[in-house]
C-alpha atoms as a PDB file:
ATOM      1  CA  MET A   1     -33.938  59.923-104.368  1.00  0.00           C
ATOM      2  CA  THR A   2     -33.911  56.169-104.017  1.00  0.00           C
ATOM      3  CA  ASP A   3     -30.727  54.219-103.440  1.00  0.00           C
ATOM      4  CA  ALA A   4     -30.953  52.805-106.967  1.00  0.00           C
ATOM      5  CA  SER A   5     -31.311  56.203-108.609  1.00  0.00           C
ATOM      6  CA  HIS A   6     -28.546  57.628-106.408  1.00  0.00           C
ATOM      7  CA  ALA A   7     -26.243  54.791-107.484  1.00  0.00           C
ATOM      8  CA  ARG A   8     -27.162  55.402-111.128  1.00  0.00           C
ATOM      9  CA  VAL A   9     -26.349  59.131-110.803  1.00  0.00           C
ATOM     10  CA  GLU A  10     -22.978  58.249-109.255  1.00  0.00           C
ATOM     11  CA  LEU A  11     -22.260  55.863-112.132  1.00  0.00           C
ATOM     12  CA  LEU A  12     -23.218  58.513-114.677  1.00  0.00           C
ATOM     13  CA  GLU A  13     -20.935  61.042-112.959  1.00  0.00           C
ATOM     14  CA  ARG A  14     -18.131  58.473-112.930  1.00  0.00           C
ATOM     15  CA  ARG A  15     -18.682  57.778-116.629  1.00  0.00           C
ATOM     16  CA  LEU A  16     -18.587  61.476-117.451  1.00  0.00           C
ATOM     17  CA  SER A  17     -15.336  61.851-115.529  1.00  0.00           C
ATOM     18  CA  LEU A  18     -13.824  58.886-117.378  1.00  0.00           C
ATOM     19  CA  VAL A  19     -14.920  60.238-120.769  1.00  0.00           C
ATOM     20  CA  VAL A  20     -13.306  63.595-119.966  1.00  0.00           C
ATOM     21  CA  ALA A  21     -10.078  61.816-118.997  1.00  0.00           C
ATOM     22  CA  LEU A  22     -10.259  59.674-122.124  1.00  0.00           C
ATOM     23  CA  SER A  23     -10.673  62.757-124.271  1.00  0.00           C
ATOM     24  CA  GLY A  24      -7.566  64.272-122.711  1.00  0.00           C
ATOM     25  CA  LEU A  25      -5.609  61.079-123.275  1.00  0.00           C
ATOM     26  CA  ASN A  26      -6.674  60.966-126.928  1.00  0.00           C
ATOM     27  CA  ALA A  27      -5.516  64.574-127.349  1.00  0.00           C
ATOM     28  CA  GLU A  28      -2.184  63.642-125.774  1.00  0.00           C
ATOM     29  CA  ALA A  29      -1.832  60.650-128.105  1.00  0.00           C
ATOM     30  CA  LEU A  30      -2.534  62.889-131.086  1.00  0.00           C
ATOM     31  CA  LYS A  31       0.166  65.308-129.915  1.00  0.00           C
ATOM     32  CA  TRP A  32       2.701  62.473-129.614  1.00  0.00           C
ATOM     33  CA  THR A  33       1.693  61.112-133.025  1.00  0.00           C
ATOM     34  CA  GLN A  34       2.154  64.514-134.649  1.00  0.00           C
ATOM     35  CA  LEU A  35       5.548  65.014-132.989  1.00  0.00           C
ATOM     36  CA  LEU A  36       6.646  61.558-134.073  1.00  0.00           C
ATOM     37  CA  GLY A  37       5.560  62.211-137.644  1.00  0.00           C
ATOM     38  CA  ALA A  38       7.531  65.451-137.748  1.00  0.00           C
ATOM     39  CA  ILE A  39      10.678  63.828-136.364  1.00  0.00           C
ATOM     40  CA  GLU A  40      10.345  60.872-138.732  1.00  0.00           C
ATOM     41  CA  MET A  41      10.173  63.317-141.655  1.00  0.00           C
ATOM     42  CA  ASP A  42      13.368  64.978-140.398  1.00  0.00           C
ATOM     43  CA  ILE A  43      15.026  61.570-140.056  1.00  0.00           C
ATOM     44  CA  GLN A  44      14.116  60.679-143.641  1.00  0.00           C
ATOM     45  CA  ARG A  45      15.418  64.030-144.894  1.00  0.00           C
ATOM     46  CA  MET A  46      18.725  63.554-143.064  1.00  0.00           C
ATOM     47  CA  GLU A  47      19.063  59.962-144.269  1.00  0.00           C
ATOM     48  CA  LEU A  48      18.539  61.127-147.850  1.00  0.00           C
ATOM     49  CA  GLU A  49      21.202  63.807-147.423  1.00  0.00           C
ATOM     50  CA  LEU A  50      23.604  61.247-145.966  1.00  0.00           C
ATOM     51  CA  GLY A  51      22.853  58.863-148.831  1.00  0.00           C
ATOM     52  CA  ARG A  52      23.886  61.466-151.386  1.00  0.00           C
ATOM     53  CA  GLY A  53      27.485  61.314-150.323  1.00  0.00           C
ATOM     54  CA  SER A  54      29.695  63.024-147.850  1.00  0.00           C
ATOM     55  CA  ALA A  55      27.839  64.894-145.182  1.00  0.00           C
ATOM     56  CA  PRO A  56      29.001  67.119-142.369  1.00  0.00           C
ATOM     57  CA  GLU A  57      29.552  65.456-139.010  1.00  0.00           C
ATOM     58  CA  GLN A  58      26.849  67.731-137.579  1.00  0.00           C
ATOM     59  CA  LEU A  59      24.262  66.045-139.814  1.00  0.00           C
ATOM     60  CA  VAL A  60      25.234  62.632-138.456  1.00  0.00           C
ATOM     61  CA  GLN A  61      24.922  63.958-134.906  1.00  0.00           C
ATOM     62  CA  ASP A  62      21.560  65.547-135.722  1.00  0.00           C
ATOM     63  CA  LEU A  63      20.358  62.245-137.156  1.00  0.00           C
ATOM     64  CA  HIS A  64      21.345  60.340-134.006  1.00  0.00           C
ATOM     65  CA  SER A  65      19.666  62.980-131.865  1.00  0.00           C
ATOM     66  CA  ALA A  66      16.483  62.778-133.928  1.00  0.00           C
ATOM     67  CA  GLU A  67      16.472  58.980-133.724  1.00  0.00           C
ATOM     68  CA  THR A  68      16.841  59.184-129.930  1.00  0.00           C
ATOM     69  CA  SER A  69      13.985  61.690-129.744  1.00  0.00           C
ATOM     70  CA  ALA A  70      11.808  59.480-131.937  1.00  0.00           C
ATOM     71  CA  ALA A  71      12.444  56.501-129.663  1.00  0.00           C
ATOM     72  CA  SER A  72      11.472  58.556-126.610  1.00  0.00           C
ATOM     73  CA  ILE A  73       8.315  59.751-128.310  1.00  0.00           C
ATOM     74  CA  ARG A  74       7.403  56.192-129.344  1.00  0.00           C
ATOM     75  CA  THR A  75       7.734  55.158-125.697  1.00  0.00           C
ATOM     76  CA  ALA A  76       5.562  58.072-124.526  1.00  0.00           C
ATOM     77  CA  LEU A  77       2.970  57.285-127.200  1.00  0.00           C
ATOM     78  CA  SER A  78       2.908  53.616-126.223  1.00  0.00           C
ATOM     79  CA  GLU A  79       2.429  54.504-122.560  1.00  0.00           C
ATOM     80  CA  CYS A  80      -0.360  56.901-123.504  1.00  0.00           C
ATOM     81  CA  GLU A  81      -2.047  54.203-125.594  1.00  0.00           C
ATOM     82  CA  GLU A  82      -1.896  51.856-122.585  1.00  0.00           C
ATOM     83  CA  ARG A  83      -3.580  54.527-120.429  1.00  0.00           C
ATOM     84  CA  ILE A  84      -6.234  54.977-123.130  1.00  0.00           C
ATOM     85  CA  ALA A  85      -6.927  51.235-123.168  1.00  0.00           C
ATOM     86  CA  ALA A  86      -7.219  51.199-119.363  1.00  0.00           C
ATOM     87  CA  ALA A  87      -9.625  54.158-119.403  1.00  0.00           C
ATOM     88  CA  GLU A  88     -11.701  52.484-122.113  1.00  0.00           C
ATOM     89  CA  ARG A  89     -11.921  49.337-119.981  1.00  0.00           C
ATOM     90  CA  GLN A  90     -13.118  51.461-117.062  1.00  0.00           C
ATOM     91  CA  VAL A  91     -15.782  53.097-119.251  1.00  0.00           C
ATOM     92  CA  ASP A  92     -16.896  49.641-120.415  1.00  0.00           C
ATOM     93  CA  GLU A  93     -17.180  48.483-116.807  1.00  0.00           C
ATOM     94  CA  VAL A  94     -19.258  51.533-115.840  1.00  0.00           C
ATOM     95  CA  ASP A  95     -21.448  50.943-118.898  1.00  0.00           C
ATOM     96  CA  ARG A  96     -22.036  47.335-117.784  1.00  0.00           C
ATOM     97  CA  LEU A  97     -22.946  48.546-114.301  1.00  0.00           C
ATOM     98  CA  LEU A  98     -25.291  51.159-115.758  1.00  0.00           C
ATOM     99  CA  ALA A  99     -26.982  48.557-117.944  1.00  0.00           C
ATOM    100  CA  ALA A 100     -27.480  46.323-114.911  1.00  0.00           C
ATOM    101  CA  ALA A 101     -28.855  49.179-112.776  1.00  0.00           C
END
């Protein structure tokens, strides 16, 4: 195998590894998005109950807890999206190197 073809094989292996990682990150982002959607539905339900009048103190506490959880999930989702963007940039760079090879 020539040096050029060996380098190309290494780039292809690197690209495959990055695509696998990117797939995992996209699955993680989907999980966070689904969790956030579920919590946001609970928040809306609790807010509607609170808007109907007097509500038990436990409902207010549950609402605050859900809002805290939603904020944590938004942070995790944002961090995951940043990792996805970084992985996509790496794939783009490998693709440029492959095109030049």
